Each structure stands twice: as structure tokens, then as C-alpha cells.
């Protein structure tokens, strides 16, 4: 039998109380000295437990007077960072990332068409305007592209999909030679596809939004694969 470490046991208990809502966002945990007295554990064990939860993003440790351990509830950014770590740590193939995006992003577009608000549409329009105004500045174009795709996911209102799409977009961009790939023709096609998808989202046409997003992301994956094949020869 494997006996769990005392620090893991304490971390499990505090984690459950955070995730169950017993410890709300911003709640200060008892001071370290008090935790030692309450648990009967050593100071080093208590500190290790707090470090575990800090790494998981469930606690914020603030130094100095008025500092201590404060509860943080995990959000979409925590999910995105975790997914990115898995992608990098497992060395997941670019092809698999594209396949995942093709499965997920059309659903994001359909949900966006169903749930979008005026604020969401304003953000989509602003991201598109930034993209079309980027000119020859490829890095500005890329930032606007990520902003637009993230805005589609946010308009769908599904926290899991937002987190996954954020991680996928970052990972695909990091693994693709986009500076070489994104010539003027590709940028123009991208802008046109974004405009058509936004139009479907604005009109509330879920089927059209999903269909146009499928065409867009599949086309991007094929073109990126062709460039990768040519550069590897």
C-alpha cells in the first residue's frame, strides 16, 4: 500500500473545500501558525500543501504585512494553461491539434449564433477591423486573428470551449511557420471567411455559422500542411 504524504492529504482537504464553494473567492486561509496548530502538522508540511495549491492556481500567496494565502477559483485561463501544458508535455502532433480544432470550433460558432449579445458582436467587429487593418504587419494580423477566434468562443458562452479554444489557438500558432504561410492571399481569404462567419453569427444562423467555420478551419489546416510539407523537403 502507498501511504499518501501528509501535505497531499491537507492539500486534498483544502482543495475540496475551495471547489465545493465552502471557501469563496478571495477568502483568506488561517495564518500558517494557526494551520500548524489546527492540523498538528509541521510548518514545512503546511507550507508544502499551500505551495501545491498555489501551483494549481487555487491559492494566491501574498507576502508581507496583510499577506497570507487567499483563495482563487479556477477560471478559463487555468483550463487553457493546463491544456497547453499537456499539449507541450505530450508533444501532441500539429495534425492532432488541427483535428481537435475542426471538431470544436464549428460548435463554438453555432453556439455563438445562438447566444451572441450586442457586446459580443461589437468585439467580433473590432477584432475583424483590426485584422483587416493590419496591412503587411503579420504579427498584428496574428494577434487580431487570435482575438477574433477567441471572441467567437466567448460569444458561445461555454467556459470549457473557451478554455480549449484559447489553448488550441496558441499551440497551433506556436507550432506553425505562420510568418511564411500568411502571405497577402491567405490574409485576404482569412478576412473574407471571418466576415462571412460573423454575418452568420449576427443573423443567428447556427447551421451557416458552423458550416462556414468548418470550411474555414479545414481550409487553414490543409494550406498549413502543404506549406509544412514544402518547407520540409
Protein backbone atom coordinates (compact mmCIF):
# COMPACT_ATOMS: atom_id res chain seq x y z
CA UNK A 1 0.00 0.00 0.00
CA UNK A 2 1.08 3.55 -0.72
CA UNK A 3 0.54 5.91 2.18
CA UNK A 4 -0.24 9.46 0.97
CA UNK A 5 2.02 12.25 2.18
CA UNK A 6 0.57 14.45 4.90
CA UNK A 7 1.00 17.50 2.67
CA UNK A 8 -1.08 15.84 -0.07
CA UNK A 9 -3.82 14.95 2.42
CA UNK A 10 -4.05 18.55 3.66
CA UNK A 11 -3.95 19.90 0.10
CA UNK A 12 -6.78 17.50 -0.88
CA UNK A 13 -8.93 18.70 2.02
CA UNK A 14 -8.43 22.41 1.30
CA UNK A 15 -8.87 21.84 -2.45
CA UNK A 16 -12.24 20.16 -1.89
CA UNK A 17 -13.41 23.00 0.35
CA UNK A 18 -12.45 25.52 -2.33
CA UNK A 19 -14.08 23.63 -5.20
CA UNK A 20 -17.25 22.95 -3.19
CA UNK A 21 -17.63 26.68 -2.59
CA UNK A 22 -17.11 26.48 1.17
CA UNK A 23 -14.07 28.75 0.76
CA UNK A 24 -15.17 31.54 -1.58
CA UNK A 25 -13.09 33.63 -3.97
CA UNK A 26 -10.74 35.91 -2.01
CA UNK A 27 -11.19 34.10 1.31
CA UNK A 28 -8.07 34.26 3.48
CA UNK A 29 -6.95 30.93 4.93
CA UNK A 30 -5.90 30.92 8.58
CA UNK A 31 -2.30 32.06 9.17
CA UNK A 32 0.37 29.43 8.78
CA UNK A 33 0.96 29.21 12.54
CA UNK A 34 -2.74 28.60 13.14
CA UNK A 35 -2.86 25.89 10.45
CA UNK A 36 0.04 24.14 12.17
CA UNK A 37 -1.83 24.21 15.48
CA UNK A 38 -5.14 23.08 13.94
CA UNK A 39 -3.72 20.20 11.92
CA UNK A 40 -0.90 19.04 14.17
CA UNK A 41 1.37 19.03 11.13
CA UNK A 42 4.81 20.58 10.86
CA UNK A 43 5.32 24.05 9.44
CA UNK A 44 7.20 22.54 6.47
CA UNK A 45 4.28 20.19 5.69
CA UNK A 46 1.73 23.03 5.83
CA UNK A 47 3.91 25.17 3.55
CA UNK A 48 4.25 22.33 1.07
CA UNK A 49 0.44 21.91 0.98
CA UNK A 50 -0.03 25.60 0.31
CA UNK A 51 2.58 25.50 -2.46
CA UNK A 52 0.75 22.61 -4.13
CA UNK A 53 -2.49 24.62 -4.21
CA UNK A 54 -0.66 27.76 -5.36
CA UNK A 55 0.82 25.87 -8.33
CA UNK A 56 -2.67 24.59 -9.18
CA UNK A 57 -3.90 28.19 -9.23
CA UNK A 58 -6.27 27.69 -6.29
CA UNK A 59 -4.37 29.93 -3.89
CA UNK A 60 -2.59 33.25 -4.19
CA UNK A 61 0.24 33.68 -1.69
CA UNK A 62 0.79 37.33 -0.79
CA UNK A 63 3.93 38.25 1.17
CA UNK A 64 4.39 40.94 3.80
CA UNK A 65 2.04 42.61 6.24
CA UNK A 66 -1.56 41.83 5.39
CA UNK A 67 -0.39 38.92 3.28
CA UNK A 68 -1.18 35.22 3.52
CA UNK A 69 -2.92 32.57 1.43
CA UNK A 70 -6.04 33.72 -0.43
CA UNK A 71 -8.49 31.54 -2.36
CA UNK A 72 -8.71 31.75 -6.14
CA UNK A 73 -11.39 29.90 -8.06
CA UNK A 74 -10.13 28.26 -11.26
CA UNK A 75 -11.26 30.03 -14.42
CA UNK A 76 -10.96 29.59 -18.16
CA UNK A 77 -7.34 30.79 -18.11
CA UNK A 78 -6.46 27.98 -15.69
CA UNK A 79 -8.02 25.48 -18.09
CA UNK A 80 -6.23 27.00 -21.08
CA UNK A 81 -2.85 26.87 -19.32
CA UNK A 82 -3.39 23.26 -18.23
CA UNK A 83 -4.36 22.16 -21.75
CA UNK A 84 -1.34 23.95 -23.17
CA UNK A 85 0.96 22.18 -20.72
CA UNK A 86 -0.50 18.81 -21.74
CA UNK A 87 -0.08 19.66 -25.44
CA UNK A 88 3.55 20.66 -24.98
CA UNK A 89 4.40 17.99 -22.42
CA UNK A 90 3.00 15.17 -24.54
CA UNK A 91 4.40 16.60 -27.77
CA UNK A 92 0.98 16.35 -29.42
CA UNK A 93 1.23 16.49 -33.21
CA UNK A 94 0.16 19.60 -35.10
CA UNK A 95 -2.15 17.40 -37.17
CA UNK A 96 -3.95 16.32 -33.99
CA UNK A 97 -4.32 19.94 -32.91
CA UNK A 98 -5.95 20.80 -36.24
CA UNK A 99 -8.25 17.78 -35.97
CA UNK A 100 -9.34 18.89 -32.50
CA UNK A 101 -9.95 22.42 -33.69
CA UNK A 102 -12.01 21.16 -36.62
CA UNK A 103 -14.17 19.19 -34.17
CA UNK A 104 -14.61 22.00 -31.65
CA UNK A 105 -14.67 25.37 -33.40
CA UNK A 106 -17.72 24.83 -35.63
CA UNK A 107 -19.65 24.05 -32.42
CA UNK A 108 -18.34 27.30 -30.93
CA UNK A 109 -19.61 29.20 -33.97
CA UNK A 110 -23.05 27.58 -33.76
CA UNK A 111 -23.33 28.42 -30.05
CA UNK A 112 -22.21 31.98 -30.82
CA UNK A 113 -25.02 32.32 -33.37
CA UNK A 114 -27.49 31.14 -30.72
CA UNK A 115 -26.25 33.16 -27.74
CA UNK A 116 -24.36 36.21 -29.01
CA UNK A 117 -25.06 39.57 -27.45
CA UNK A 118 -24.55 43.04 -28.89
CA UNK A 119 -21.36 43.24 -26.85
CA UNK A 120 -20.09 40.01 -28.45
CA UNK A 121 -20.87 41.33 -31.94
CA UNK A 122 -19.03 44.57 -31.15
CA UNK A 123 -15.96 42.58 -30.11
CA UNK A 124 -16.11 40.43 -33.27
CA UNK A 125 -16.37 43.55 -35.42
CA UNK A 126 -13.48 45.22 -33.59
CA UNK A 127 -11.25 42.15 -33.98
CA UNK A 128 -12.14 41.94 -37.68
CA UNK A 129 -11.40 45.64 -38.20
CA UNK A 130 -8.01 45.18 -36.53
CA UNK A 131 -7.30 42.17 -38.75
CA UNK A 132 -8.20 43.90 -41.99
CA UNK A 133 -6.27 46.99 -40.96
CA UNK A 134 -3.08 45.10 -40.20
CA UNK A 135 -1.72 45.54 -43.71
CA UNK A 136 1.73 43.92 -44.03
CA UNK A 137 2.17 43.70 -40.27
CA UNK A 138 1.89 39.91 -39.88
CA UNK A 139 2.25 39.92 -36.09
CA UNK A 140 -0.59 42.42 -35.75
CA UNK A 141 -2.66 40.24 -38.10
CA UNK A 142 -1.94 37.17 -35.95
CA UNK A 143 -2.94 38.93 -32.74
CA UNK A 144 -6.18 40.08 -34.34
CA UNK A 145 -6.81 36.58 -35.68
CA UNK A 146 -6.47 35.03 -32.21
CA UNK A 147 -8.65 37.81 -30.79
CA UNK A 148 -11.40 37.07 -33.34
CA UNK A 149 -11.40 33.30 -32.81
CA UNK A 150 -11.41 33.77 -29.03
CA UNK A 151 -14.31 36.21 -29.38
CA UNK A 152 -16.31 33.56 -31.27
CA UNK A 153 -15.76 31.09 -28.43
CA UNK A 154 -16.67 33.68 -25.79
CA UNK A 155 -19.85 34.56 -27.66
CA UNK A 156 -20.87 30.90 -27.34
CA UNK A 157 -20.75 31.22 -23.56
CA UNK A 158 -19.33 27.74 -22.85
CA UNK A 159 -16.43 28.05 -20.40
CA UNK A 160 -14.88 24.71 -21.35
CA UNK A 161 -14.90 25.50 -25.06
CA UNK A 162 -13.46 28.96 -24.39
CA UNK A 163 -10.56 27.42 -22.47
CA UNK A 164 -9.92 24.71 -25.06
CA UNK A 165 -10.03 27.18 -27.97
CA UNK A 166 -7.64 29.56 -26.24
CA UNK A 167 -5.12 26.76 -25.72
CA UNK A 168 -5.55 25.34 -29.21
CA UNK A 169 -5.13 28.72 -30.91
CA UNK A 170 -1.92 29.46 -29.02
CA UNK A 171 -0.50 26.00 -29.62
CA UNK A 172 -1.33 25.92 -33.34
CA UNK A 173 0.22 29.35 -33.86
CA UNK A 174 3.33 28.35 -31.90
CA UNK A 175 3.78 25.19 -33.99
CA UNK A 176 3.16 26.72 -37.43
CA UNK A 177 5.53 28.81 -39.53
CA UNK A 178 2.88 31.48 -39.90
CA UNK A 179 5.26 34.23 -41.00
CA UNK A 180 5.96 32.23 -44.16
CA UNK A 181 2.43 30.91 -44.52
CA UNK A 182 0.44 34.12 -44.16
CA UNK A 183 1.04 35.83 -47.48
CA UNK A 184 -1.31 38.54 -48.78
CA UNK A 185 -3.58 36.00 -50.47
CA UNK A 186 -4.04 33.89 -47.33
CA UNK A 187 -4.70 37.00 -45.24
CA UNK A 188 -7.36 38.14 -47.69
CA UNK A 189 -9.07 34.72 -47.67
CA UNK A 190 -8.97 34.68 -43.87
CA UNK A 191 -10.57 38.12 -43.64
CA UNK A 192 -13.30 37.10 -46.09
CA UNK A 193 -14.04 33.90 -44.15
CA UNK A 194 -14.22 35.79 -40.86
CA UNK A 195 -16.66 38.29 -42.36
CA UNK A 196 -18.96 35.52 -43.60
CA UNK A 197 -18.89 33.66 -40.28
CA UNK A 198 -19.57 36.87 -38.37
CA UNK A 199 -22.51 37.56 -40.69
CA UNK A 200 -24.00 34.14 -39.86
CA UNK A 201 -23.44 34.69 -36.13
CA UNK A 202 -25.07 38.12 -36.29
CA UNK A 203 -28.12 36.73 -38.10
CA UNK A 204 -28.46 33.85 -35.63
CA UNK A 205 -28.00 31.18 -38.31
CA UNK A 206 -26.39 28.33 -36.36
CA UNK A 207 -26.13 25.95 -39.33
CA UNK A 208 -24.46 28.53 -41.56
CA UNK A 209 -22.07 29.61 -38.80
CA UNK A 210 -20.97 26.01 -38.18
CA UNK A 211 -20.72 25.22 -41.90
CA UNK A 212 -18.65 28.31 -42.70
CA UNK A 213 -16.38 27.78 -39.71
CA UNK A 214 -15.81 24.17 -40.77
CA UNK A 215 -14.82 25.32 -44.24
CA UNK A 216 -12.51 27.97 -42.80
CA UNK A 217 -10.61 25.83 -40.27
CA UNK A 218 -10.34 22.82 -42.59
CA UNK A 219 -9.00 25.02 -45.37
CA UNK A 220 -6.49 26.58 -43.00
CA UNK A 221 -5.29 23.14 -41.85
CA UNK A 222 -4.84 21.91 -45.44
CA UNK A 223 -2.94 25.03 -46.50
CA UNK A 224 -0.70 24.96 -43.43
CA UNK A 225 0.05 21.27 -44.02
CA UNK A 226 1.05 21.97 -47.63
CA UNK A 227 3.44 24.73 -46.53
CA UNK A 228 4.91 22.46 -43.84
CA UNK A 229 5.42 19.71 -46.42
CA UNK A 230 7.16 22.06 -48.87
CA UNK A 231 9.48 23.51 -46.24
CA UNK A 232 10.46 20.03 -45.01
CA UNK A 233 11.59 18.88 -48.46
